């Protein structure tokens, strides 16, 4: 399997970051997850929701937008999100 590359990018919302991924993260249309329970059937979404501070996810094509809880820190979250995406397997 080829290495997966992840490039975090800012969005207009300071509580959301867009993570561009070198391979598609969805097939077909977009997917949104607003809770750990909703993400349970999707391996990548479930892995991202296991990270403390993740509030919601939006996935389309080759990117994932992660919205954090207001008290969470991007300095802590970004490396964990990148690691979860780079693990692949979805």
C-alpha atoms as a PDB file:
ATOM      1  CA  UNK A   1       0.000   0.000   0.000  1.00  0.00           C
ATOM      2  CA  UNK A   2       1.297   3.458  -0.909  1.00  0.00           C
ATOM      3  CA  UNK A   3       1.979   5.953   1.837  1.00  0.00           C
ATOM      4  CA  UNK A   4      -0.923   8.300   2.538  1.00  0.00           C
ATOM      5  CA  UNK A   5      -0.058  11.994   2.720  1.00  0.00           C
ATOM      6  CA  UNK A   6      -2.151  14.484   4.692  1.00  0.00           C
ATOM      7  CA  UNK A   7      -2.005  18.273   4.359  1.00  0.00           C
ATOM      8  CA  UNK A   8      -3.950  20.288   6.990  1.00  0.00           C
ATOM      9  CA  UNK A   9      -5.390  23.583   5.700  1.00  0.00           C
ATOM     10  CA  UNK A  10      -7.221  26.405   7.499  1.00  0.00           C
ATOM     11  CA  UNK A  11     -10.881  27.186   6.831  1.00  0.00           C
ATOM     12  CA  UNK A  12     -12.848  30.379   7.520  1.00  0.00           C
ATOM     13  CA  UNK A  13     -14.093  28.698  10.725  1.00  0.00           C
ATOM     14  CA  UNK A  14     -11.360  28.709  13.406  1.00  0.00           C
ATOM     15  CA  UNK A  15     -12.915  25.552  14.895  1.00  0.00           C
ATOM     16  CA  UNK A  16     -12.578  23.601  11.618  1.00  0.00           C
ATOM     17  CA  UNK A  17      -9.579  22.416   9.606  1.00  0.00           C
ATOM     18  CA  UNK A  18      -9.580  20.779   6.186  1.00  0.00           C
ATOM     19  CA  UNK A  19      -7.245  17.810   5.850  1.00  0.00           C
ATOM     20  CA  UNK A  20      -6.384  17.171   2.192  1.00  0.00           C
ATOM     21  CA  UNK A  21      -5.527  13.499   1.651  1.00  0.00           C
ATOM     22  CA  UNK A  22      -3.489  11.962  -1.171  1.00  0.00           C
ATOM     23  CA  UNK A  23      -6.150   9.284  -1.773  1.00  0.00           C
ATOM     24  CA  UNK A  24      -9.970   9.401  -1.759  1.00  0.00           C
ATOM     25  CA  UNK A  25     -11.596   9.089   1.656  1.00  0.00           C
ATOM     26  CA  UNK A  26     -15.117   8.568   0.284  1.00  0.00           C
ATOM     27  CA  UNK A  27     -16.673   6.793  -2.645  1.00  0.00           C
ATOM     28  CA  UNK A  28     -19.344   8.778  -4.409  1.00  0.00           C
ATOM     29  CA  UNK A  29     -20.887  11.647  -2.474  1.00  0.00           C
ATOM     30  CA  UNK A  30     -20.139  13.391   0.758  1.00  0.00           C
ATOM     31  CA  UNK A  31     -20.468  11.925   4.239  1.00  0.00           C
ATOM     32  CA  UNK A  32     -21.119  13.848   7.450  1.00  0.00           C
ATOM     33  CA  UNK A  33     -20.825  12.577  11.001  1.00  0.00           C
ATOM     34  CA  UNK A  34     -21.973  14.555  14.026  1.00  0.00           C
ATOM     35  CA  UNK A  35     -21.397  11.958  16.737  1.00  0.00           C
ATOM     36  CA  UNK A  36     -19.312   8.966  17.727  1.00  0.00           C
ATOM     37  CA  UNK A  37     -22.443   6.812  17.377  1.00  0.00           C
ATOM     38  CA  UNK A  38     -23.101   7.999  13.807  1.00  0.00           C
ATOM     39  CA  UNK A  39     -19.478   7.279  12.890  1.00  0.00           C
ATOM     40  CA  UNK A  40     -19.489   3.721  14.256  1.00  0.00           C
ATOM     41  CA  UNK A  41     -19.980   2.070  10.842  1.00  0.00           C
ATOM     42  CA  UNK A  42     -17.182   3.982   9.093  1.00  0.00           C
ATOM     43  CA  UNK A  43     -13.618   2.945  10.051  1.00  0.00           C
ATOM     44  CA  UNK A  44     -11.959   6.331   9.442  1.00  0.00           C
ATOM     45  CA  UNK A  45     -14.751   8.366  11.036  1.00  0.00           C
ATOM     46  CA  UNK A  46     -14.797   6.075  14.070  1.00  0.00           C
ATOM     47  CA  UNK A  47     -11.024   6.420  14.443  1.00  0.00           C
ATOM     48  CA  UNK A  48     -11.274  10.223  14.246  1.00  0.00           C
ATOM     49  CA  UNK A  49     -14.103  10.378  16.779  1.00  0.00           C
ATOM     50  CA  UNK A  50     -11.943   8.357  19.183  1.00  0.00           C
ATOM     51  CA  UNK A  51      -9.776  11.493  19.455  1.00  0.00           C
ATOM     52  CA  UNK A  52     -10.846  13.720  22.356  1.00  0.00           C
ATOM     53  CA  UNK A  53     -12.000  17.095  21.093  1.00  0.00           C
ATOM     54  CA  UNK A  54     -13.493  16.078  17.721  1.00  0.00           C
ATOM     55  CA  UNK A  55     -17.028  17.495  17.369  1.00  0.00           C
ATOM     56  CA  UNK A  56     -17.972  16.606  13.778  1.00  0.00           C
ATOM     57  CA  UNK A  57     -16.616  15.411  10.433  1.00  0.00           C
ATOM     58  CA  UNK A  58     -17.362  16.122   6.791  1.00  0.00           C
ATOM     59  CA  UNK A  59     -15.768  13.951   4.097  1.00  0.00           C
ATOM     60  CA  UNK A  60     -15.815  14.371   0.340  1.00  0.00           C
ATOM     61  CA  UNK A  61     -13.449  13.088  -2.319  1.00  0.00           C
ATOM     62  CA  UNK A  62      -9.934  13.468  -1.014  1.00  0.00           C
ATOM     63  CA  UNK A  63     -10.498  15.628   2.049  1.00  0.00           C
ATOM     64  CA  UNK A  64     -11.824  15.480   5.594  1.00  0.00           C
ATOM     65  CA  UNK A  65     -12.994  18.584   7.431  1.00  0.00           C
ATOM     66  CA  UNK A  66     -12.702  18.157  11.183  1.00  0.00           C
ATOM     67  CA  UNK A  67     -14.585  20.494  13.500  1.00  0.00           C
ATOM     68  CA  UNK A  68     -13.272  20.592  17.037  1.00  0.00           C
ATOM     69  CA  UNK A  69     -15.006  21.275  20.309  1.00  0.00           C
ATOM     70  CA  UNK A  70     -14.494  24.909  21.434  1.00  0.00           C
ATOM     71  CA  UNK A  71     -12.115  24.003  24.283  1.00  0.00           C
ATOM     72  CA  UNK A  72      -9.918  21.674  22.214  1.00  0.00           C
ATOM     73  CA  UNK A  73      -6.510  22.738  20.878  1.00  0.00           C
ATOM     74  CA  UNK A  74      -5.427  22.318  17.255  1.00  0.00           C
ATOM     75  CA  UNK A  75      -1.839  21.907  18.505  1.00  0.00           C
ATOM     76  CA  UNK A  76      -2.955  18.685  20.192  1.00  0.00           C
ATOM     77  CA  UNK A  77      -5.514  17.557  17.613  1.00  0.00           C
ATOM     78  CA  UNK A  78      -3.653  18.002  14.304  1.00  0.00           C
ATOM     79  CA  UNK A  79      -0.951  15.349  14.886  1.00  0.00           C
ATOM     80  CA  UNK A  80      -3.551  12.863  16.132  1.00  0.00           C
ATOM     81  CA  UNK A  81      -5.884  13.500  13.176  1.00  0.00           C
ATOM     82  CA  UNK A  82      -3.021  13.192  10.685  1.00  0.00           C
ATOM     83  CA  UNK A  83      -1.913   9.919  12.304  1.00  0.00           C
ATOM     84  CA  UNK A  84      -5.470   8.521  12.207  1.00  0.00           C
ATOM     85  CA  UNK A  85      -5.839   9.367   8.521  1.00  0.00           C
ATOM     86  CA  UNK A  86      -2.384   8.091   7.563  1.00  0.00           C
ATOM     87  CA  UNK A  87      -3.208   4.735   9.158  1.00  0.00           C
ATOM     88  CA  UNK A  88      -5.576   4.092   6.201  1.00  0.00           C
ATOM     89  CA  UNK A  89      -7.734   1.011   6.142  1.00  0.00           C
ATOM     90  CA  UNK A  90     -11.047   2.509   5.236  1.00  0.00           C
END
